[in-house]
Amino acid sequence: MTSNKSFILACALLFAVGSSMGQTFRDEIPSGSKLSQKDLQKSVFSAQNLNPLNSSSVSATNSIYIQQIGNNNSLVANTRTVAGRMNVLQAGNRNEVAVDVTSALLDENIIQWGRNNSFIDINGGASLLHRANVLQRGTNQNLIWLGSNSLSEKIRVNMSGQKQTVIIRNIKRQ
């Protein structure tokens, strides 16, 4: 009987110590990150200078790199590519990325720094190259990107502030 009591006491003590050392998170943009906002911008926008048709910059593989810091961040990616690379950093709470792209080459860099940001990327038809460089910094930033063309390959979207919505339509009329 005493061994059961001591076992229960030890478990309760272990649980109390373990839960008191758990991570705390405040509902704000992380400030202790080693990367500054300028560093994040440089890393996203330096990828813009890569030539995707150069064999040294794109391999014949598909990869998605995701880093999520915070609560309730989500990413849904449905890609059909020959060679594709997608980098996503979500730092904050309730950030969303939804991608549905068909392209021979895919190159996307997405940074969401803040709360309640959303990025929707839908490419209705097949394209040779689909490139997106997006930086959302703030609260309630919404970006809807529809289609792809030669002009949108060079676009860098940098949204900062609060409660903004941008819609980019690259849809050819029939």
Protein backbone atom coordinates (compact mmCIF):
# COMPACT_ATOMS: atom_id res chain seq x y z
CA MET A 1 0.00 0.00 0.00
CA THR A 2 2.81 2.41 0.87
CA SER A 3 4.60 1.55 -2.38
CA ASN A 4 1.46 2.58 -4.33
CA LYS A 5 1.27 5.86 -2.41
CA SER A 6 4.95 6.59 -2.99
CA PHE A 7 4.58 5.70 -6.68
CA ILE A 8 1.60 8.06 -7.06
CA LEU A 9 3.44 10.79 -5.15
CA ALA A 10 6.53 10.36 -7.36
CA CYS A 11 4.38 10.53 -10.54
CA ALA A 12 2.58 13.65 -9.29
CA LEU A 13 5.90 15.29 -8.42
CA LEU A 14 7.38 14.38 -11.82
CA PHE A 15 4.29 15.74 -13.59
CA ALA A 16 4.40 19.00 -11.61
CA VAL A 17 8.11 19.54 -12.33
CA GLY A 18 7.70 18.60 -16.01
CA SER A 19 4.76 20.92 -16.56
CA SER A 20 6.39 23.82 -14.74
CA MET A 21 9.40 23.61 -17.09
CA GLY A 22 7.22 23.59 -20.21
CA GLN A 23 7.38 26.20 -22.92
CA THR A 24 5.47 29.41 -22.44
CA PHE A 25 4.26 31.38 -25.41
CA ARG A 26 2.79 34.83 -25.54
CA ASP A 27 0.46 35.90 -28.33
CA GLU A 28 2.95 38.19 -30.07
CA ILE A 29 5.65 38.12 -32.70
CA PRO A 30 8.70 36.23 -31.43
CA SER A 31 11.38 38.76 -30.53
CA GLY A 32 14.15 36.44 -29.34
CA SER A 33 14.69 34.89 -32.74
CA LYS A 34 18.24 34.86 -34.02
CA LEU A 35 17.07 36.06 -37.44
CA SER A 36 16.13 39.69 -37.78
CA GLN A 37 13.42 40.81 -40.16
CA LYS A 38 16.07 42.24 -42.51
CA ASP A 39 17.86 38.89 -42.55
CA LEU A 40 14.60 37.14 -43.42
CA GLN A 41 13.94 39.60 -46.26
CA LYS A 42 17.44 39.14 -47.62
CA SER A 43 17.16 35.37 -47.61
CA VAL A 44 13.80 35.39 -49.38
CA PHE A 45 14.69 38.01 -51.93
CA SER A 46 18.17 36.67 -52.65
CA ALA A 47 16.49 33.52 -53.95
CA GLN A 48 14.87 35.74 -56.59
CA ASN A 49 18.23 36.05 -58.37
CA LEU A 50 18.55 32.31 -58.99
CA ASN A 51 17.98 31.21 -62.55
CA PRO A 52 15.57 28.25 -62.32
CA LEU A 53 16.55 27.03 -65.78
CA ASN A 54 20.18 26.66 -64.70
CA SER A 55 20.89 23.03 -63.80
CA SER A 56 22.98 24.03 -60.79
CA SER A 57 20.12 25.92 -59.10
CA VAL A 58 17.32 23.37 -59.52
CA SER A 59 17.62 19.65 -59.16
CA ALA A 60 15.15 17.13 -60.52
CA THR A 61 13.49 16.71 -57.14
CA ASN A 62 10.58 18.20 -55.29
CA SER A 63 11.02 19.53 -51.78
CA ILE A 64 9.04 21.54 -49.26
CA TYR A 65 10.83 22.99 -46.25
CA ILE A 66 8.57 24.12 -43.42
CA GLN A 67 9.47 25.94 -40.22
CA GLN A 68 6.59 26.85 -37.92
CA ILE A 69 7.01 28.80 -34.70
CA GLY A 70 3.83 29.48 -32.74
CA ASN A 71 0.36 28.02 -32.44
CA ASN A 72 -2.23 26.92 -35.02
CA ASN A 73 -0.11 27.57 -38.12
CA SER A 74 -1.10 25.50 -41.16
CA LEU A 75 0.17 24.63 -44.60
CA VAL A 76 -1.62 22.70 -47.35
CA ALA A 77 0.42 22.10 -50.52
CA ASN A 78 -0.81 20.26 -53.59
CA THR A 79 1.96 20.54 -56.18
CA ARG A 80 2.46 18.72 -59.48
CA THR A 81 5.97 19.57 -60.71
CA VAL A 82 9.00 18.05 -62.40
CA ALA A 83 11.37 20.00 -60.16
CA GLY A 84 10.17 22.17 -57.32
CA ARG A 85 11.34 23.88 -54.16
CA MET A 86 9.15 25.55 -51.58
CA ASN A 87 10.39 27.27 -48.39
CA VAL A 88 7.87 28.32 -45.75
CA LEU A 89 8.53 30.10 -42.46
CA GLN A 90 5.55 30.85 -40.22
CA ALA A 91 6.43 32.76 -37.04
CA GLY A 92 3.39 33.72 -34.97
CA ASN A 93 -0.10 32.35 -34.51
CA ARG A 94 -2.86 31.26 -36.89
CA ASN A 95 -0.94 31.77 -40.14
CA GLU A 96 -2.17 29.83 -43.19
CA VAL A 97 -0.64 28.84 -46.53
CA ALA A 98 -2.61 26.99 -49.22
CA VAL A 99 -0.89 26.12 -52.52
CA ASP A 100 -2.36 24.28 -55.52
CA VAL A 101 0.13 24.53 -58.41
CA THR A 102 0.82 22.60 -61.61
CA SER A 103 4.10 23.68 -63.18
CA ALA A 104 7.24 22.16 -64.68
CA LEU A 105 9.41 24.24 -62.31
CA LEU A 106 8.27 25.58 -58.94
CA ASP A 107 10.21 28.07 -56.80
CA GLU A 108 8.38 29.58 -53.81
CA ASN A 109 9.63 31.39 -50.71
CA ILE A 110 6.98 32.37 -48.17
CA ILE A 111 7.54 34.12 -44.83
CA GLN A 112 4.65 34.92 -42.53
CA TRP A 113 5.75 36.95 -39.51
CA GLY A 114 2.84 37.84 -37.24
CA ARG A 115 -0.72 36.69 -36.64
CA ASN A 116 -3.69 35.68 -38.81
CA ASN A 117 -1.84 35.99 -42.12
CA SER A 118 -2.99 33.96 -45.12
CA PHE A 119 -1.49 33.17 -48.52
CA ILE A 120 -3.48 31.32 -51.17
CA ASP A 121 -1.71 30.36 -54.40
CA ILE A 122 -3.77 28.70 -57.13
CA ASN A 123 -2.38 28.04 -60.59
CA GLY A 124 -5.34 26.85 -62.65
CA GLY A 125 -3.41 25.58 -65.66
CA ALA A 126 -0.01 24.06 -66.24
CA SER A 127 2.88 26.49 -66.69
CA LEU A 128 6.59 26.18 -67.37
CA LEU A 129 7.70 28.21 -64.33
CA HIS A 130 5.82 29.29 -61.22
CA ARG A 131 7.73 31.54 -58.84
CA ALA A 132 6.49 33.39 -55.75
CA ASN A 133 8.43 35.43 -53.18
CA VAL A 134 6.14 36.58 -50.38
CA LEU A 135 6.84 38.32 -47.09
CA GLN A 136 3.87 39.04 -44.82
CA ARG A 137 4.75 40.96 -41.67
CA GLY A 138 1.98 42.09 -39.34
CA THR A 139 -1.57 41.08 -38.53
CA ASN A 140 -4.42 39.97 -40.81
CA GLN A 141 -2.44 40.15 -44.07
CA ASN A 142 -4.21 38.30 -46.91
CA LEU A 143 -2.68 37.51 -50.29
CA ILE A 144 -4.52 35.62 -53.05
CA TRP A 145 -2.35 34.72 -56.06
CA LEU A 146 -4.24 33.31 -59.05
CA GLY A 147 -2.38 31.97 -62.09
CA SER A 148 1.12 32.57 -63.39
CA ASN A 149 2.74 34.40 -66.29
CA SER A 150 6.10 35.92 -67.27
CA LEU A 151 5.38 39.12 -65.32
CA SER A 152 4.52 37.35 -62.09
CA GLU A 153 7.81 35.40 -62.14
CA LYS A 154 9.66 38.52 -61.00
CA ILE A 155 7.12 39.83 -58.46
CA ARG A 156 8.18 40.18 -54.83
CA VAL A 157 5.26 40.79 -52.50
CA ASN A 158 6.16 42.52 -49.23
CA MET A 159 3.13 43.20 -47.02
CA SER A 160 3.47 44.92 -43.67
CA GLY A 161 0.97 46.46 -41.30
CA GLN A 162 -2.52 45.37 -40.45
CA LYS A 163 -5.68 44.26 -42.23
CA GLN A 164 -4.59 44.33 -45.87
CA THR A 165 -5.76 42.16 -48.75
CA VAL A 166 -3.97 41.86 -52.09
CA ILE A 167 -5.28 39.86 -55.04
CA ILE A 168 -2.94 39.10 -57.96
CA ARG A 169 -4.74 37.82 -61.05
CA ASN A 170 -2.61 36.31 -63.80
CA ILE A 171 -5.45 34.66 -65.64
CA LYS A 172 -5.60 34.77 -69.42
CA ARG A 173 -9.06 35.54 -70.71
CA GLN A 174 -10.38 33.16 -73.36
